[in-house]
Amino acid sequence: MPNPPDPLDPLLDRWTEPKGPVPNLAPEVWRRIAHEERNAPGIGGIWGELDSWLSRPPFAALFVTSCALLGLFLAEVRVNRQQRVQSAVLVRSYLQLIDPLLKANTVAKMP
């Protein structure tokens, strides 16, 4: 069974190489990008400043590192607090184990 003719074949037959030199598109592309950036509605105020600072790789890396260090510090503080509470509970239970009258002494006072 023969294949139907491709509708692009006549168009490809008419195509020819450009006669003149190929224009350099890079300057035009960069000019358009700069134009769009100037005319684009930006984020104003402090959020715009923050966005401009964090779009730079060194400041973005510093921000991420600072957040990670702050998270580690807060985790260490929380673990330290939990260990202090657990140590206090262990001390109380040990004291009650070695001195069963410790609870009685708090209620009944000796003369």
PDB file of N, CA and C in Angstrom:
ATOM      1  N   MET A   1       0.845  -1.166   0.000  1.00  0.00           N
ATOM      2  CA  MET A   1       0.000   0.000   0.000  1.00  0.00           C
ATOM      3  C   MET A   1       0.896   1.237   0.000  1.00  0.00           C
ATOM      4  N   PRO A   2       0.725   2.124  -0.930  1.00  0.00           N
ATOM      5  CA  PRO A   2       1.586   3.311  -1.020  1.00  0.00           C
ATOM      6  C   PRO A   2       1.234   4.312   0.085  1.00  0.00           C
ATOM      7  N   ASN A   3       2.271   5.016   0.520  1.00  0.00           N
ATOM      8  CA  ASN A   3       2.080   6.049   1.550  1.00  0.00           C
ATOM      9  C   ASN A   3       1.462   7.292   0.919  1.00  0.00           C
ATOM     10  N   PRO A   4       0.563   7.978   1.658  1.00  0.00           N
ATOM     11  CA  PRO A   4       0.000   9.218   1.113  1.00  0.00           C
ATOM     12  C   PRO A   4       1.098  10.279   1.054  1.00  0.00           C
ATOM     13  N   PRO A   5       1.003  11.209   0.143  1.00  0.00           N
ATOM     14  CA  PRO A   5       2.044  12.245   0.027  1.00  0.00           C
ATOM     15  C   PRO A   5       2.071  13.136   1.264  1.00  0.00           C
ATOM     16  N   ASP A   6       3.260  13.472   1.662  1.00  0.00           N
ATOM     17  CA  ASP A   6       3.452  14.328   2.833  1.00  0.00           C
ATOM     18  C   ASP A   6       3.177  15.774   2.444  1.00  0.00           C
ATOM     19  N   PRO A   7       2.344  16.501   3.207  1.00  0.00           N
ATOM     20  CA  PRO A   7       2.028  17.889   2.837  1.00  0.00           C
ATOM     21  C   PRO A   7       3.238  18.827   2.984  1.00  0.00           C
ATOM     22  N   LEU A   8       4.278  18.409   3.667  1.00  0.00           N
ATOM     23  CA  LEU A   8       5.446  19.271   3.820  1.00  0.00           C
ATOM     24  C   LEU A   8       6.421  19.168   2.645  1.00  0.00           C
ATOM     25  N   ASP A   9       6.309  18.133   1.838  1.00  0.00           N
ATOM     26  CA  ASP A   9       7.250  17.955   0.728  1.00  0.00           C
ATOM     27  C   ASP A   9       7.291  19.154  -0.218  1.00  0.00           C
ATOM     28  N   PRO A  10       6.158  19.712  -0.675  1.00  0.00           N
ATOM     29  CA  PRO A  10       6.256  20.879  -1.568  1.00  0.00           C
ATOM     30  C   PRO A  10       6.920  22.083  -0.893  1.00  0.00           C
ATOM     31  N   LEU A  11       6.667  22.252   0.401  1.00  0.00           N
ATOM     32  CA  LEU A  11       7.275  23.382   1.103  1.00  0.00           C
ATOM     33  C   LEU A  11       8.783  23.191   1.226  1.00  0.00           C
ATOM     34  N   LEU A  12       9.214  21.980   1.508  1.00  0.00           N
ATOM     35  CA  LEU A  12      10.646  21.717   1.611  1.00  0.00           C
ATOM     36  C   LEU A  12      11.334  21.851   0.259  1.00  0.00           C
ATOM     37  N   ASP A  13      10.631  21.530  -0.818  1.00  0.00           N
ATOM     38  CA  ASP A  13      11.216  21.694  -2.162  1.00  0.00           C
ATOM     39  C   ASP A  13      11.430  23.162  -2.504  1.00  0.00           C
ATOM     40  N   ARG A  14      10.585  24.050  -1.988  1.00  0.00           N
ATOM     41  CA  ARG A  14      10.713  25.483  -2.292  1.00  0.00           C
ATOM     42  C   ARG A  14      11.744  26.177  -1.413  1.00  0.00           C
ATOM     43  N   TRP A  15      12.169  25.546  -0.331  1.00  0.00           N
ATOM     44  CA  TRP A  15      13.084  26.177   0.616  1.00  0.00           C
ATOM     45  C   TRP A  15      14.470  26.306   0.015  1.00  0.00           C
ATOM     46  N   THR A  16      15.092  27.462   0.230  1.00  0.00           N
ATOM     47  CA  THR A  16      16.462  27.697  -0.233  1.00  0.00           C
ATOM     48  C   THR A  16      17.261  28.310   0.898  1.00  0.00           C
ATOM     49  N   GLU A  17      18.566  28.212   0.807  1.00  0.00           N
ATOM     50  CA  GLU A  17      19.459  28.812   1.806  1.00  0.00           C
ATOM     51  C   GLU A  17      19.358  30.329   1.720  1.00  0.00           C
ATOM     52  N   PRO A  18      19.481  31.033   2.840  1.00  0.00           N
ATOM     53  CA  PRO A  18      19.470  32.500   2.772  1.00  0.00           C
ATOM     54  C   PRO A  18      20.688  33.003   2.008  1.00  0.00           C
ATOM     55  N   LYS A  19      20.493  34.062   1.262  1.00  0.00           N
ATOM     56  CA  LYS A  19      21.549  34.616   0.410  1.00  0.00           C
ATOM     57  C   LYS A  19      22.576  35.426   1.206  1.00  0.00           C
ATOM     58  N   GLY A  20      22.109  36.246   2.112  1.00  0.00           N
ATOM     59  CA  GLY A  20      22.998  37.138   2.856  1.00  0.00           C
ATOM     60  C   GLY A  20      23.601  36.451   4.073  1.00  0.00           C
ATOM     61  N   PRO A  21      24.441  37.197   4.795  1.00  0.00           N
ATOM     62  CA  PRO A  21      25.015  36.617   6.015  1.00  0.00           C
ATOM     63  C   PRO A  21      23.933  36.437   7.087  1.00  0.00           C
ATOM     64  N   VAL A  22      24.126  35.432   7.894  1.00  0.00           N
ATOM     65  CA  VAL A  22      23.173  35.149   8.965  1.00  0.00           C
ATOM     66  C   VAL A  22      23.335  36.219  10.046  1.00  0.00           C
ATOM     67  N   PRO A  23      22.241  36.861  10.435  1.00  0.00           N
ATOM     68  CA  PRO A  23      22.366  37.910  11.462  1.00  0.00           C
ATOM     69  C   PRO A  23      22.709  37.283  12.817  1.00  0.00           C
ATOM     70  N   ASN A  24      23.477  38.042  13.588  1.00  0.00           N
ATOM     71  CA  ASN A  24      23.843  37.596  14.918  1.00  0.00           C
ATOM     72  C   ASN A  24      22.672  37.900  15.857  1.00  0.00           C
ATOM     73  N   LEU A  25      22.035  36.859  16.364  1.00  0.00           N
ATOM     74  CA  LEU A  25      20.828  37.033  17.166  1.00  0.00           C
ATOM     75  C   LEU A  25      21.116  37.311  18.636  1.00  0.00           C
ATOM     76  N   ALA A  26      22.290  36.982  19.122  1.00  0.00           N
ATOM     77  CA  ALA A  26      22.577  37.115  20.547  1.00  0.00           C
ATOM     78  C   ALA A  26      22.379  38.547  21.062  1.00  0.00           C
ATOM     79  N   PRO A  27      22.909  39.580  20.405  1.00  0.00           N
ATOM     80  CA  PRO A  27      22.687  40.937  20.941  1.00  0.00           C
ATOM     81  C   PRO A  27      21.204  41.323  20.979  1.00  0.00           C
ATOM     82  N   GLU A  28      20.459  40.888  19.964  1.00  0.00           N
ATOM     83  CA  GLU A  28      19.032  41.217  19.938  1.00  0.00           C
ATOM     84  C   GLU A  28      18.289  40.498  21.060  1.00  0.00           C
ATOM     85  N   VAL A  29      18.644  39.254  21.299  1.00  0.00           N
ATOM     86  CA  VAL A  29      18.002  38.487  22.376  1.00  0.00           C
ATOM     87  C   VAL A  29      18.292  39.140  23.723  1.00  0.00           C
ATOM     88  N   TRP A  30      19.545  39.499  23.964  1.00  0.00           N
ATOM     89  CA  TRP A  30      19.901  40.124  25.244  1.00  0.00           C
ATOM     90  C   TRP A  30      19.253  41.498  25.389  1.00  0.00           C
ATOM     91  N   ARG A  31      19.113  42.221  24.293  1.00  0.00           N
ATOM     92  CA  ARG A  31      18.440  43.518  24.347  1.00  0.00           C
ATOM     93  C   ARG A  31      16.979  43.334  24.742  1.00  0.00           C
ATOM     94  N   ARG A  32      16.319  42.328  24.182  1.00  0.00           N
ATOM     95  CA  ARG A  32      14.916  42.077  24.524  1.00  0.00           C
ATOM     96  C   ARG A  32      14.766  41.621  25.975  1.00  0.00           C
ATOM     97  N   ILE A  33      15.683  40.797  26.439  1.00  0.00           N
ATOM     98  CA  ILE A  33      15.627  40.349  27.829  1.00  0.00           C
ATOM     99  C   ILE A  33      15.787  41.535  28.772  1.00  0.00           C
ATOM    100  N   ALA A  34      16.754  42.411  28.488  1.00  0.00           N
ATOM    101  CA  ALA A  34      16.971  43.595  29.328  1.00  0.00           C
ATOM    102  C   ALA A  34      15.738  44.503  29.306  1.00  0.00           C
ATOM    103  N   HIS A  35      15.135  44.646  28.143  1.00  0.00           N
ATOM    104  CA  HIS A  35      13.932  45.479  28.023  1.00  0.00           C
ATOM    105  C   HIS A  35      12.790  44.903  28.861  1.00  0.00           C
ATOM    106  N   GLU A  36      12.593  43.594  28.805  1.00  0.00           N
ATOM    107  CA  GLU A  36      11.528  42.956  29.585  1.00  0.00           C
ATOM    108  C   GLU A  36      11.800  43.061  31.085  1.00  0.00           C
ATOM    109  N   GLU A  37      13.061  42.935  31.487  1.00  0.00           N
ATOM    110  CA  GLU A  37      13.382  43.049  32.908  1.00  0.00           C
ATOM    111  C   GLU A  37      13.142  44.461  33.427  1.00  0.00           C
ATOM    112  N   ARG A  38      13.420  45.456  32.596  1.00  0.00           N
ATOM    113  CA  ARG A  38      13.181  46.840  33.016  1.00  0.00           C
ATOM    114  C   ARG A  38      11.691  47.132  33.132  1.00  0.00           C
ATOM    115  N   ASN A  39      10.894  46.580  32.229  1.00  0.00           N
ATOM    116  CA  ASN A  39       9.465  46.881  32.200  1.00  0.00           C
ATOM    117  C   ASN A  39       8.624  45.896  32.996  1.00  0.00           C
ATOM    118  N   ALA A  40       9.229  44.849  33.522  1.00  0.00           N
ATOM    119  CA  ALA A  40       8.468  43.857  34.293  1.00  0.00           C
ATOM    120  C   ALA A  40       8.067  44.456  35.635  1.00  0.00           C
ATOM    121  N   PRO A  41       6.837  44.164  36.082  1.00  0.00           N
ATOM    122  CA  PRO A  41       6.444  44.648  37.405  1.00  0.00           C
ATOM    123  C   PRO A  41       7.228  43.882  38.468  1.00  0.00           C
ATOM    124  N   GLY A  42       7.986  44.608  39.244  1.00  0.00           N
ATOM    125  CA  GLY A  42       8.827  43.978  40.258  1.00  0.00           C
ATOM    126  C   GLY A  42       8.145  43.920  41.605  1.00  0.00           C
ATOM    127  N   ILE A  43       8.732  43.148  42.473  1.00  0.00           N
ATOM    128  CA  ILE A  43       8.253  43.064  43.849  1.00  0.00           C
ATOM    129  C   ILE A  43       8.867  44.236  44.595  1.00  0.00           C
ATOM    130  N   GLY A  44       8.059  45.056  45.172  1.00  0.00           N
ATOM    131  CA  GLY A  44       8.564  46.247  45.825  1.00  0.00           C
ATOM    132  C   GLY A  44       8.859  46.036  47.290  1.00  0.00           C
ATOM    133  N   GLY A  45       9.533  46.992  47.853  1.00  0.00           N
ATOM    134  CA  GLY A  45       9.772  46.987  49.286  1.00  0.00           C
ATOM    135  C   GLY A  45      10.829  45.995  49.720  1.00  0.00           C
ATOM    136  N   ILE A  46      10.643  45.533  50.933  1.00  0.00           N
ATOM    137  CA  ILE A  46      11.652  44.656  51.531  1.00  0.00           C
ATOM    138  C   ILE A  46      11.700  43.294  50.841  1.00  0.00           C
ATOM    139  N   TRP A  47      10.561  42.809  50.313  1.00  0.00           N
ATOM    140  CA  TRP A  47      10.559  41.507  49.642  1.00  0.00           C
ATOM    141  C   TRP A  47      11.356  41.564  48.350  1.00  0.00           C
ATOM    142  N   GLY A  48      11.294  42.674  47.658  1.00  0.00           N
ATOM    143  CA  GLY A  48      12.098  42.832  46.445  1.00  0.00           C
ATOM    144  C   GLY A  48      13.583  42.852  46.757  1.00  0.00           C
ATOM    145  N   GLU A  49      13.946  43.547  47.834  1.00  0.00           N
ATOM    146  CA  GLU A  49      15.348  43.575  48.250  1.00  0.00           C
ATOM    147  C   GLU A  49      15.830  42.186  48.658  1.00  0.00           C
ATOM    148  N   LEU A  50      14.990  41.482  49.421  1.00  0.00           N
ATOM    149  CA  LEU A  50      15.346  40.134  49.843  1.00  0.00           C
ATOM    150  C   LEU A  50      15.496  39.205  48.642  1.00  0.00           C
ATOM    151  N   ASP A  51      14.601  39.347  47.683  1.00  0.00           N
ATOM    152  CA  ASP A  51      14.681  38.534  46.470  1.00  0.00           C
ATOM    153  C   ASP A  51      15.954  38.834  45.692  1.00  0.00           C
ATOM    154  N   SER A  52      16.326  40.095  45.604  1.00  0.00           N
ATOM    155  CA  SER A  52      17.542  40.442  44.861  1.00  0.00           C
ATOM    156  C   SER A  52      18.797  39.936  45.577  1.00  0.00           C
ATOM    157  N   TRP A  53      18.803  39.947  46.912  1.00  0.00           N
ATOM    158  CA  TRP A  53      19.960  39.442  47.653  1.00  0.00           C
ATOM    159  C   TRP A  53      20.056  37.931  47.545  1.00  0.00           C
ATOM    160  N   LEU A  54      18.924  37.241  47.684  1.00  0.00           N
ATOM    161  CA  LEU A  54      18.953  35.782  47.667  1.00  0.00           C
ATOM    162  C   LEU A  54      19.107  35.207  46.267  1.00  0.00           C
ATOM    163  N   SER A  55      18.970  36.031  45.240  1.00  0.00           N
ATOM    164  CA  SER A  55      19.193  35.527  43.881  1.00  0.00           C
ATOM    165  C   SER A  55      20.679  35.421  43.561  1.00  0.00           C
ATOM    166  N   ARG A  56      21.521  35.962  44.420  1.00  0.00           N
ATOM    167  CA  ARG A  56      22.969  35.839  44.240  1.00  0.00           C
ATOM    168  C   ARG A  56      23.444  34.563  44.944  1.00  0.00           C
ATOM    169  N   PRO A  57      24.200  33.718  44.252  1.00  0.00           N
ATOM    170  CA  PRO A  57      24.594  32.420  44.835  1.00  0.00           C
ATOM    171  C   PRO A  57      25.332  32.495  46.172  1.00  0.00           C
ATOM    172  N   PRO A  58      26.271  33.413  46.389  1.00  0.00           N
ATOM    173  CA  PRO A  58      26.937  33.410  47.703  1.00  0.00           C
ATOM    174  C   PRO A  58      25.983  33.718  48.858  1.00  0.00           C
ATOM    175  N   PHE A  59      25.084  34.661  48.661  1.00  0.00           N
ATOM    176  CA  PHE A  59      24.142  35.012  49.721  1.00  0.00           C
ATOM    177  C   PHE A  59      23.104  33.903  49.918  1.00  0.00           C
ATOM    178  N   ALA A  60      22.705  33.257  48.832  1.00  0.00           N
ATOM    179  CA  ALA A  60      21.766  32.140  48.957  1.00  0.00           C
ATOM    180  C   ALA A  60      22.408  30.992  49.732  1.00  0.00           C
ATOM    181  N   ALA A  61      23.667  30.695  49.452  1.00  0.00           N
ATOM    182  CA  ALA A  61      24.367  29.634  50.182  1.00  0.00           C
ATOM    183  C   ALA A  61      24.524  30.010  51.651  1.00  0.00           C
ATOM    184  N   LEU A  62      24.831  31.272  51.924  1.00  0.00           N
ATOM    185  CA  LEU A  62      24.951  31.736  53.307  1.00  0.00           C
ATOM    186  C   LEU A  62      23.619  31.610  54.042  1.00  0.00           C
ATOM    187  N   PHE A  63      22.530  31.942  53.383  1.00  0.00           N
ATOM    188  CA  PHE A  63      21.201  31.842  53.999  1.00  0.00           C
ATOM    189  C   PHE A  63      20.857  30.393  54.323  1.00  0.00           C
ATOM    190  N   VAL A  64      21.111  29.486  53.380  1.00  0.00           N
ATOM    191  CA  VAL A  64      20.806  28.072  53.600  1.00  0.00           C
ATOM    192  C   VAL A  64      21.664  27.521  54.735  1.00  0.00           C
ATOM    193  N   THR A  65      22.948  27.882  54.752  1.00  0.00           N
ATOM    194  CA  THR A  65      23.844  27.427  55.814  1.00  0.00           C
ATOM    195  C   THR A  65      23.393  27.967  57.163  1.00  0.00           C
ATOM    196  N   SER A  66      23.002  29.228  57.216  1.00  0.00           N
ATOM    197  CA  SER A  66      22.531  29.820  58.473  1.00  0.00           C
ATOM    198  C   SER A  66      21.271  29.122  58.976  1.00  0.00           C
ATOM    199  N   CYS A  67      20.354  28.813  58.072  1.00  0.00           N
ATOM    200  CA  CYS A  67      19.125  28.114  58.472  1.00  0.00           C
ATOM    201  C   CYS A  67      19.449  26.723  59.009  1.00  0.00           C
ATOM    202  N   ALA A  68      20.388  26.026  58.365  1.00  0.00           N
ATOM    203  CA  ALA A  68      20.754  24.687  58.834  1.00  0.00           C
ATOM    204  C   ALA A  68      21.408  24.762  60.215  1.00  0.00           C
ATOM    205  N   LEU A  69      22.300  25.717  60.422  1.00  0.00           N
ATOM    206  CA  LEU A  69      22.955  25.860  61.722  1.00  0.00           C
ATOM    207  C   LEU A  69      21.969  26.257  62.810  1.00  0.00           C
ATOM    208  N   LEU A  70      21.034  27.130  62.493  1.00  0.00           N
ATOM    209  CA  LEU A  70      20.009  27.511  63.464  1.00  0.00           C
ATOM    210  C   LEU A  70      19.147  26.308  63.833  1.00  0.00           C
ATOM    211  N   GLY A  71      18.788  25.498  62.858  1.00  0.00           N
ATOM    212  CA  GLY A  71      18.012  24.299  63.129  1.00  0.00           C
ATOM    213  C   GLY A  71      18.767  23.315  64.014  1.00  0.00           C
ATOM    214  N   LEU A  72      20.059  23.125  63.742  1.00  0.00           N
ATOM    215  CA  LEU A  72      20.867  22.242  64.588  1.00  0.00           C
ATOM    216  C   LEU A  72      20.982  22.776  66.010  1.00  0.00           C
ATOM    217  N   PHE A  73      21.153  24.083  66.143  1.00  0.00           N
ATOM    218  CA  PHE A  73      21.242  24.689  67.471  1.00  0.00           C
ATOM    219  C   PHE A  73      19.944  24.499  68.252  1.00  0.00           C
ATOM    220  N   LEU A  74      18.801  24.748  67.609  1.00  0.00           N
ATOM    221  CA  LEU A  74      17.517  24.591  68.294  1.00  0.00           C
ATOM    222  C   LEU A  74      17.255  23.129  68.651  1.00  0.00           C
ATOM    223  N   ALA A  75      17.675  22.210  67.796  1.00  0.00           N
ATOM    224  CA  ALA A  75      17.522  20.789  68.118  1.00  0.00           C
ATOM    225  C   ALA A  75      18.385  20.419  69.326  1.00  0.00           C
ATOM    226  N   GLU A  76      19.588  20.962  69.394  1.00  0.00           N
ATOM    227  CA  GLU A  76      20.473  20.681  70.528  1.00  0.00           C
ATOM    228  C   GLU A  76      19.895  21.243  71.826  1.00  0.00           C
ATOM    229  N   VAL A  77      19.324  22.432  71.776  1.00  0.00           N
ATOM    230  CA  VAL A  77      18.703  23.018  72.968  1.00  0.00           C
ATOM    231  C   VAL A  77      17.534  22.153  73.440  1.00  0.00           C
ATOM    232  N   ARG A  78      16.738  21.673  72.489  1.00  0.00           N
ATOM    233  CA  ARG A  78      15.582  20.836  72.858  1.00  0.00           C
ATOM    234  C   ARG A  78      16.032  19.516  73.477  1.00  0.00           C
ATOM    235  N   VAL A  79      17.031  18.879  72.877  1.00  0.00           N
ATOM    236  CA  VAL A  79      17.526  17.611  73.417  1.00  0.00           C
ATOM    237  C   VAL A  79      18.126  17.830  74.801  1.00  0.00           C
ATOM    238  N   ASN A  80      18.849  18.925  74.993  1.00  0.00           N
ATOM    239  CA  ASN A  80      19.452  19.237  76.294  1.00  0.00           C
ATOM    240  C   ASN A  80      18.361  19.398  77.353  1.00  0.00           C
ATOM    241  N   ARG A  81      17.295  20.091  77.005  1.00  0.00           N
ATOM    242  CA  ARG A  81      16.192  20.295  77.947  1.00  0.00           C
ATOM    243  C   ARG A  81      15.531  18.959  78.295  1.00  0.00           C
ATOM    244  N   GLN A  82      15.316  18.112  77.310  1.00  0.00           N
ATOM    245  CA  GLN A  82      14.711  16.810  77.570  1.00  0.00           C
ATOM    246  C   GLN A  82      15.612  15.950  78.461  1.00  0.00           C
ATOM    247  N   GLN A  83      16.920  16.008  78.248  1.00  0.00           N
ATOM    248  CA  GLN A  83      17.838  15.236  79.081  1.00  0.00           C
ATOM    249  C   GLN A  83      17.846  15.745  80.518  1.00  0.00           C
ATOM    250  N   ARG A  84      17.741  17.058  80.710  1.00  0.00           N
ATOM    251  CA  ARG A  84      17.669  17.600  82.068  1.00  0.00           C
ATOM    252  C   ARG A  84      16.425  17.119  82.788  1.00  0.00           C
ATOM    253  N   VAL A  85      15.306  17.124  82.114  1.00  0.00           N
ATOM    254  CA  VAL A  85      14.057  16.662  82.725  1.00  0.00           C
ATOM    255  C   VAL A  85      14.158  15.175  83.050  1.00  0.00           C
ATOM    256  N   GLN A  86      14.700  14.398  82.135  1.00  0.00           N
ATOM    257  CA  GLN A  86      14.827  12.963  82.372  1.00  0.00           C
ATOM    258  C   GLN A  86      15.794  12.686  83.527  1.00  0.00           C
ATOM    259  N   SER A  87      16.859  13.448  83.633  1.00  0.00           N
ATOM    260  CA  SER A  87      17.794  13.274  84.752  1.00  0.00           C
ATOM    261  C   SER A  87      17.126  13.606  86.079  1.00  0.00           C
ATOM    262  N   ALA A  88      16.324  14.651  86.110  1.00  0.00           N
ATOM    263  CA  ALA A  88      15.624  15.013  87.347  1.00  0.00           C
ATOM    264  C   ALA A  88      14.645  13.914  87.753  1.00  0.00           C
ATOM    265  N   VAL A  89      13.964  13.322  86.792  1.00  0.00           N
ATOM    266  CA  VAL A  89      13.031  12.228  87.098  1.00  0.00           C
ATOM    267  C   VAL A  89      13.806  11.026  87.628  1.00  0.00           C
ATOM    268  N   LEU A  90      14.940  10.729  87.026  1.00  0.00           N
ATOM    269  CA  LEU A  90      15.754   9.607  87.506  1.00  0.00           C
ATOM    270  C   LEU A  90      16.273   9.860  88.917  1.00  0.00           C
ATOM    271  N   VAL A  91      16.685  11.074  89.219  1.00  0.00           N
ATOM    272  CA  VAL A  91      17.179  11.404  90.558  1.00  0.00           C
ATOM    273  C   VAL A  91      16.071  11.230  91.580  1.00  0.00           C
ATOM    274  N   ARG A  92      14.866  11.742  91.257  1.00  0.00           N
ATOM    275  CA  ARG A  92      13.742  11.590  92.183  1.00  0.00           C
ATOM    276  C   ARG A  92      13.393  10.125  92.411  1.00  0.00           C
ATOM    277  N   SER A  93      13.347   9.350  91.357  1.00  0.00           N
ATOM    278  CA  SER A  93      12.996   7.934  91.529  1.00  0.00           C
ATOM    279  C   SER A  93      14.092   7.197  92.286  1.00  0.00           C
ATOM    280  N   TYR A  94      15.339   7.554  92.100  1.00  0.00           N
ATOM    281  CA  TYR A  94      16.427   6.924  92.852  1.00  0.00           C
ATOM    282  C   TYR A  94      16.336   7.274  94.332  1.00  0.00           C
ATOM    283  N   LEU A  95      16.066   8.541  94.612  1.00  0.00           N
ATOM    284  CA  LEU A  95      15.932   8.937  96.019  1.00  0.00           C
ATOM    285  C   LEU A  95      14.771   8.214  96.695  1.00  0.00           C
ATOM    286  N   GLN A  96      13.678   8.049  96.007  1.00  0.00           N
ATOM    287  CA  GLN A  96      12.547   7.318  96.584  1.00  0.00           C
ATOM    288  C   GLN A  96      12.864   5.838  96.733  1.00  0.00           C
ATOM    289  N   LEU A  97      13.708   5.302  95.869  1.00  0.00           N
ATOM    290  CA  LEU A  97      14.073   3.899  95.959  1.00  0.00           C
ATOM    291  C   LEU A  97      14.962   3.635  97.171  1.00  0.00           C
ATOM    292  N   ILE A  98      15.921   4.526  97.409  1.00  0.00           N
ATOM    293  CA  ILE A  98      16.825   4.290  98.539  1.00  0.00           C
ATOM    294  C   ILE A  98      16.244   4.792  99.855  1.00  0.00           C
ATOM    295  N   ASP A  99      15.311   5.703  99.814  1.00  0.00           N
ATOM    296  CA  ASP A  99      14.709   6.219 101.042  1.00  0.00           C
ATOM    297  C   ASP A  99      13.197   6.220 100.875  1.00  0.00           C
ATOM    298  N   PRO A 100      12.513   5.091 101.191  1.00  0.00           N
ATOM    299  CA  PRO A 100      11.072   5.035 100.999  1.00  0.00           C
ATOM    300  C   PRO A 100      10.316   6.003 101.911  1.00  0.00           C
ATOM    301  N   LEU A 101      10.927   6.446 102.984  1.00  0.00           N
ATOM    302  CA  LEU A 101      10.261   7.377 103.879  1.00  0.00           C
ATOM    303  C   LEU A 101      10.400   8.823 103.401  1.00  0.00           C
ATOM    304  N   LEU A 102      11.045   9.020 102.252  1.00  0.00           N
ATOM    305  CA  LEU A 102      11.228  10.385 101.733  1.00  0.00           C
ATOM    306  C   LEU A 102       9.884  11.072 101.511  1.00  0.00           C
ATOM    307  N   LYS A 103       8.912  10.315 101.043  1.00  0.00           N
ATOM    308  CA  LYS A 103       7.586  10.882 100.841  1.00  0.00           C
ATOM    309  C   LYS A 103       6.926  11.155 102.177  1.00  0.00           C
ATOM    310  N   ALA A 104       7.127  10.266 103.118  1.00  0.00           N
ATOM    311  CA  ALA A 104       6.524  10.449 104.443  1.00  0.00           C
ATOM    312  C   ALA A 104       7.132  11.642 105.156  1.00  0.00           C
ATOM    313  N   ASN A 105       8.401  11.899 104.938  1.00  0.00           N
ATOM    314  CA  ASN A 105       9.056  13.030 105.599  1.00  0.00           C
ATOM    315  C   ASN A 105       8.503  14.361 105.105  1.00  0.00           C
ATOM    316  N   THR A 106       8.040  14.399 103.887  1.00  0.00           N
ATOM    317  CA  THR A 106       7.503  15.656 103.378  1.00  0.00           C
ATOM    318  C   THR A 106       6.126  15.936 103.984  1.00  0.00           C
ATOM    319  N   VAL A 107       5.404  14.875 104.382  1.00  0.00           N
ATOM    320  CA  VAL A 107       4.078  15.072 104.938  1.00  0.00           C
ATOM    321  C   VAL A 107       4.154  15.267 106.459  1.00  0.00           C
ATOM    322  N   ALA A 108       4.811  14.346 107.149  1.00  0.00           N
ATOM    323  CA  ALA A 108       4.916  14.417 108.612  1.00  0.00           C
ATOM    324  C   ALA A 108       6.247  15.021 108.987  1.00  0.00           C
ATOM    325  N   LYS A 109       6.214  16.063 109.768  1.00  0.00           N
ATOM    326  CA  LYS A 109       7.442  16.724 110.184  1.00  0.00           C
ATOM    327  C   LYS A 109       7.791  16.294 111.591  1.00  0.00           C
ATOM    328  N   MET A 110       9.066  16.069 111.801  1.00  0.00           N
ATOM    329  CA  MET A 110       9.520  15.677 113.142  1.00  0.00           C
ATOM    330  C   MET A 110       9.642  16.919 114.025  1.00  0.00           C
ATOM    331  N   PRO A 111       9.356  16.759 115.351  1.00  0.00           N
ATOM    332  CA  PRO A 111       9.432  17.934 116.251  1.00  0.00           C
ATOM    333  C   PRO A 111      10.841  18.355 116.558  1.00  0.00           C
TER     334      PRO A 111
END
